[in-house]
C-alpha cells in the first residue's frame, strides 16, 4: 500500500488466461488512474499473454 504523499504504488499484474502467474510492478497513480494491461510472458503456458492489474 502506498504511504501518504507517495505517487507510485505497487501493483500486481495477473494473467488473464490461467490466473495463476503474475508480475509485480509499480505505477504512477496520478498519470495512469485506470487499470494497467500489458502483454507479458507466461512461463507455464510458454507464450505471451495479456496481464491485467489486480488490486
N, C-alpha and C. Protein backbone atom coordinates (compact mmCIF):
# COMPACT_ATOMS: atom_id res chain seq x y z
N UNK A 1 0.84 -1.18 0.00
CA UNK A 1 0.00 0.00 0.00
C UNK A 1 0.88 1.23 0.00
N UNK A 2 0.47 2.25 -0.73
CA UNK A 2 1.25 3.47 -0.82
C UNK A 2 1.13 4.29 0.46
N UNK A 3 2.26 4.87 0.83
CA UNK A 3 2.27 5.72 2.00
C UNK A 3 1.67 7.07 1.65
N UNK A 4 1.34 7.85 2.65
CA UNK A 4 0.75 9.16 2.42
C UNK A 4 1.75 10.05 1.70
N UNK A 5 1.32 10.65 0.61
CA UNK A 5 2.16 11.54 -0.16
C UNK A 5 2.93 10.86 -1.28
N UNK A 6 2.96 9.54 -1.31
CA UNK A 6 3.67 8.85 -2.39
C UNK A 6 2.79 8.77 -3.63
N UNK A 7 3.43 8.95 -4.77
CA UNK A 7 2.70 8.94 -6.03
C UNK A 7 2.66 7.53 -6.63
N UNK A 8 3.75 6.77 -6.46
CA UNK A 8 3.84 5.43 -7.05
C UNK A 8 3.32 4.39 -6.08
N UNK A 9 2.62 3.40 -6.62
CA UNK A 9 2.12 2.31 -5.78
C UNK A 9 2.49 0.97 -6.42
N UNK A 10 2.64 -0.05 -5.60
CA UNK A 10 2.98 -1.39 -6.07
C UNK A 10 1.69 -2.08 -6.51
N UNK A 11 1.72 -2.66 -7.72
CA UNK A 11 0.55 -3.34 -8.24
C UNK A 11 0.94 -4.76 -8.65
N UNK A 12 -0.06 -5.62 -8.84
CA UNK A 12 0.13 -7.00 -9.28
C UNK A 12 -0.58 -7.15 -10.62
N UNK A 13 0.16 -7.67 -11.62
CA UNK A 13 -0.40 -7.96 -12.93
C UNK A 13 -0.66 -9.45 -13.02
N UNK A 14 -1.92 -9.85 -13.11
CA UNK A 14 -2.32 -11.26 -13.11
C UNK A 14 -2.68 -11.67 -14.53
N UNK A 15 -2.28 -12.88 -14.91
CA UNK A 15 -2.56 -13.42 -16.24
C UNK A 15 -4.06 -13.61 -16.43
N UNK A 16 -4.56 -13.26 -17.61
CA UNK A 16 -5.99 -13.40 -17.88
C UNK A 16 -6.35 -14.81 -18.35
N UNK A 17 -5.36 -15.59 -18.83
CA UNK A 17 -5.66 -16.92 -19.36
C UNK A 17 -5.67 -18.00 -18.28
N UNK A 18 -4.66 -18.03 -17.41
CA UNK A 18 -4.65 -19.07 -16.38
C UNK A 18 -4.92 -18.52 -14.99
N UNK A 19 -4.70 -17.24 -14.75
CA UNK A 19 -5.00 -16.62 -13.46
C UNK A 19 -4.04 -16.99 -12.34
N UNK A 20 -2.99 -17.75 -12.64
CA UNK A 20 -2.05 -18.19 -11.62
C UNK A 20 -0.76 -17.38 -11.63
N UNK A 21 -0.21 -17.13 -12.79
CA UNK A 21 1.05 -16.41 -12.86
C UNK A 21 0.81 -14.91 -12.76
N UNK A 22 1.77 -14.22 -12.16
CA UNK A 22 1.63 -12.78 -12.01
C UNK A 22 3.00 -12.11 -11.97
N UNK A 23 3.01 -10.84 -12.26
CA UNK A 23 4.18 -9.98 -12.16
C UNK A 23 3.84 -8.87 -11.18
N UNK A 24 4.84 -8.35 -10.48
CA UNK A 24 4.64 -7.17 -9.65
C UNK A 24 5.43 -6.02 -10.24
N UNK A 25 4.86 -4.84 -10.19
CA UNK A 25 5.49 -3.65 -10.72
C UNK A 25 4.92 -2.44 -9.99
N UNK A 26 5.40 -1.27 -10.34
CA UNK A 26 4.87 -0.04 -9.75
C UNK A 26 4.29 0.82 -10.86
N UNK A 27 3.37 1.68 -10.49
CA UNK A 27 2.82 2.61 -11.46
C UNK A 27 2.54 3.94 -10.77
N UNK A 28 2.52 4.99 -11.56
CA UNK A 28 2.20 6.31 -11.07
C UNK A 28 0.69 6.46 -11.10
N UNK A 29 0.08 6.56 -9.94
CA UNK A 29 -1.39 6.58 -9.89
C UNK A 29 -2.00 7.91 -10.34
N UNK A 30 -1.20 8.96 -10.44
CA UNK A 30 -1.71 10.23 -10.97
C UNK A 30 -1.77 10.22 -12.50
N UNK A 31 -0.74 9.65 -13.13
CA UNK A 31 -0.69 9.63 -14.59
C UNK A 31 -1.56 8.53 -15.19
N UNK A 32 -1.68 7.39 -14.51
CA UNK A 32 -2.48 6.27 -15.02
C UNK A 32 -3.45 5.81 -13.95
N UNK A 33 -4.58 6.50 -13.79
CA UNK A 33 -5.54 6.12 -12.76
C UNK A 33 -6.32 4.85 -13.10
N UNK A 34 -6.42 4.51 -14.40
CA UNK A 34 -7.16 3.30 -14.78
C UNK A 34 -6.26 2.08 -14.64
N UNK A 35 -6.86 0.90 -14.79
CA UNK A 35 -6.10 -0.34 -14.60
C UNK A 35 -5.15 -0.58 -15.77
N UNK A 36 -3.98 -1.08 -15.43
CA UNK A 36 -2.92 -1.30 -16.39
C UNK A 36 -3.07 -2.68 -17.04
N UNK A 37 -2.81 -2.76 -18.36
CA UNK A 37 -2.85 -4.02 -19.09
C UNK A 37 -1.59 -4.11 -19.94
N UNK A 38 -0.82 -5.19 -19.76
CA UNK A 38 0.42 -5.39 -20.51
C UNK A 38 0.49 -6.83 -21.01
N UNK A 39 1.18 -7.03 -22.13
CA UNK A 39 1.44 -8.38 -22.61
C UNK A 39 2.77 -8.82 -22.01
N UNK A 40 2.73 -9.89 -21.21
CA UNK A 40 3.91 -10.42 -20.54
C UNK A 40 4.03 -11.91 -20.84
N UNK A 41 5.21 -12.45 -20.61
CA UNK A 41 5.44 -13.86 -20.88
C UNK A 41 4.94 -14.72 -19.73
N UNK A 42 4.16 -15.75 -20.05
CA UNK A 42 3.67 -16.70 -19.07
C UNK A 42 4.50 -17.97 -19.21
N UNK A 43 5.31 -18.29 -18.19
CA UNK A 43 6.21 -19.45 -18.26
C UNK A 43 5.44 -20.76 -18.24
N UNK A 44 4.30 -20.82 -17.59
CA UNK A 44 3.51 -22.05 -17.55
C UNK A 44 2.93 -22.40 -18.92
N UNK A 45 2.45 -21.40 -19.63
CA UNK A 45 1.87 -21.62 -20.96
C UNK A 45 2.90 -21.49 -22.08
N UNK A 46 4.07 -20.96 -21.77
CA UNK A 46 5.17 -20.77 -22.72
C UNK A 46 4.77 -19.87 -23.89
N UNK A 47 4.05 -18.78 -23.57
CA UNK A 47 3.70 -17.81 -24.61
C UNK A 47 3.38 -16.48 -23.95
N UNK A 48 3.26 -15.44 -24.76
CA UNK A 48 2.93 -14.11 -24.26
C UNK A 48 1.42 -14.01 -24.12
N UNK A 49 0.98 -13.53 -22.95
CA UNK A 49 -0.45 -13.40 -22.68
C UNK A 49 -0.72 -12.02 -22.09
N UNK A 50 -1.97 -11.65 -22.07
CA UNK A 50 -2.39 -10.37 -21.51
C UNK A 50 -2.45 -10.47 -19.98
N UNK A 51 -1.81 -9.53 -19.31
CA UNK A 51 -1.84 -9.46 -17.85
C UNK A 51 -2.52 -8.17 -17.45
N UNK A 52 -3.48 -8.26 -16.53
CA UNK A 52 -4.23 -7.09 -16.06
C UNK A 52 -3.93 -6.81 -14.61
N UNK A 53 -4.06 -5.54 -14.25
CA UNK A 53 -3.82 -5.12 -12.88
C UNK A 53 -4.93 -5.62 -11.96
N UNK A 54 -4.52 -6.13 -10.82
CA UNK A 54 -5.46 -6.56 -9.80
C UNK A 54 -5.08 -5.88 -8.50
N UNK A 55 -6.04 -5.32 -7.81
CA UNK A 55 -5.74 -4.60 -6.57
C UNK A 55 -5.73 -5.52 -5.40
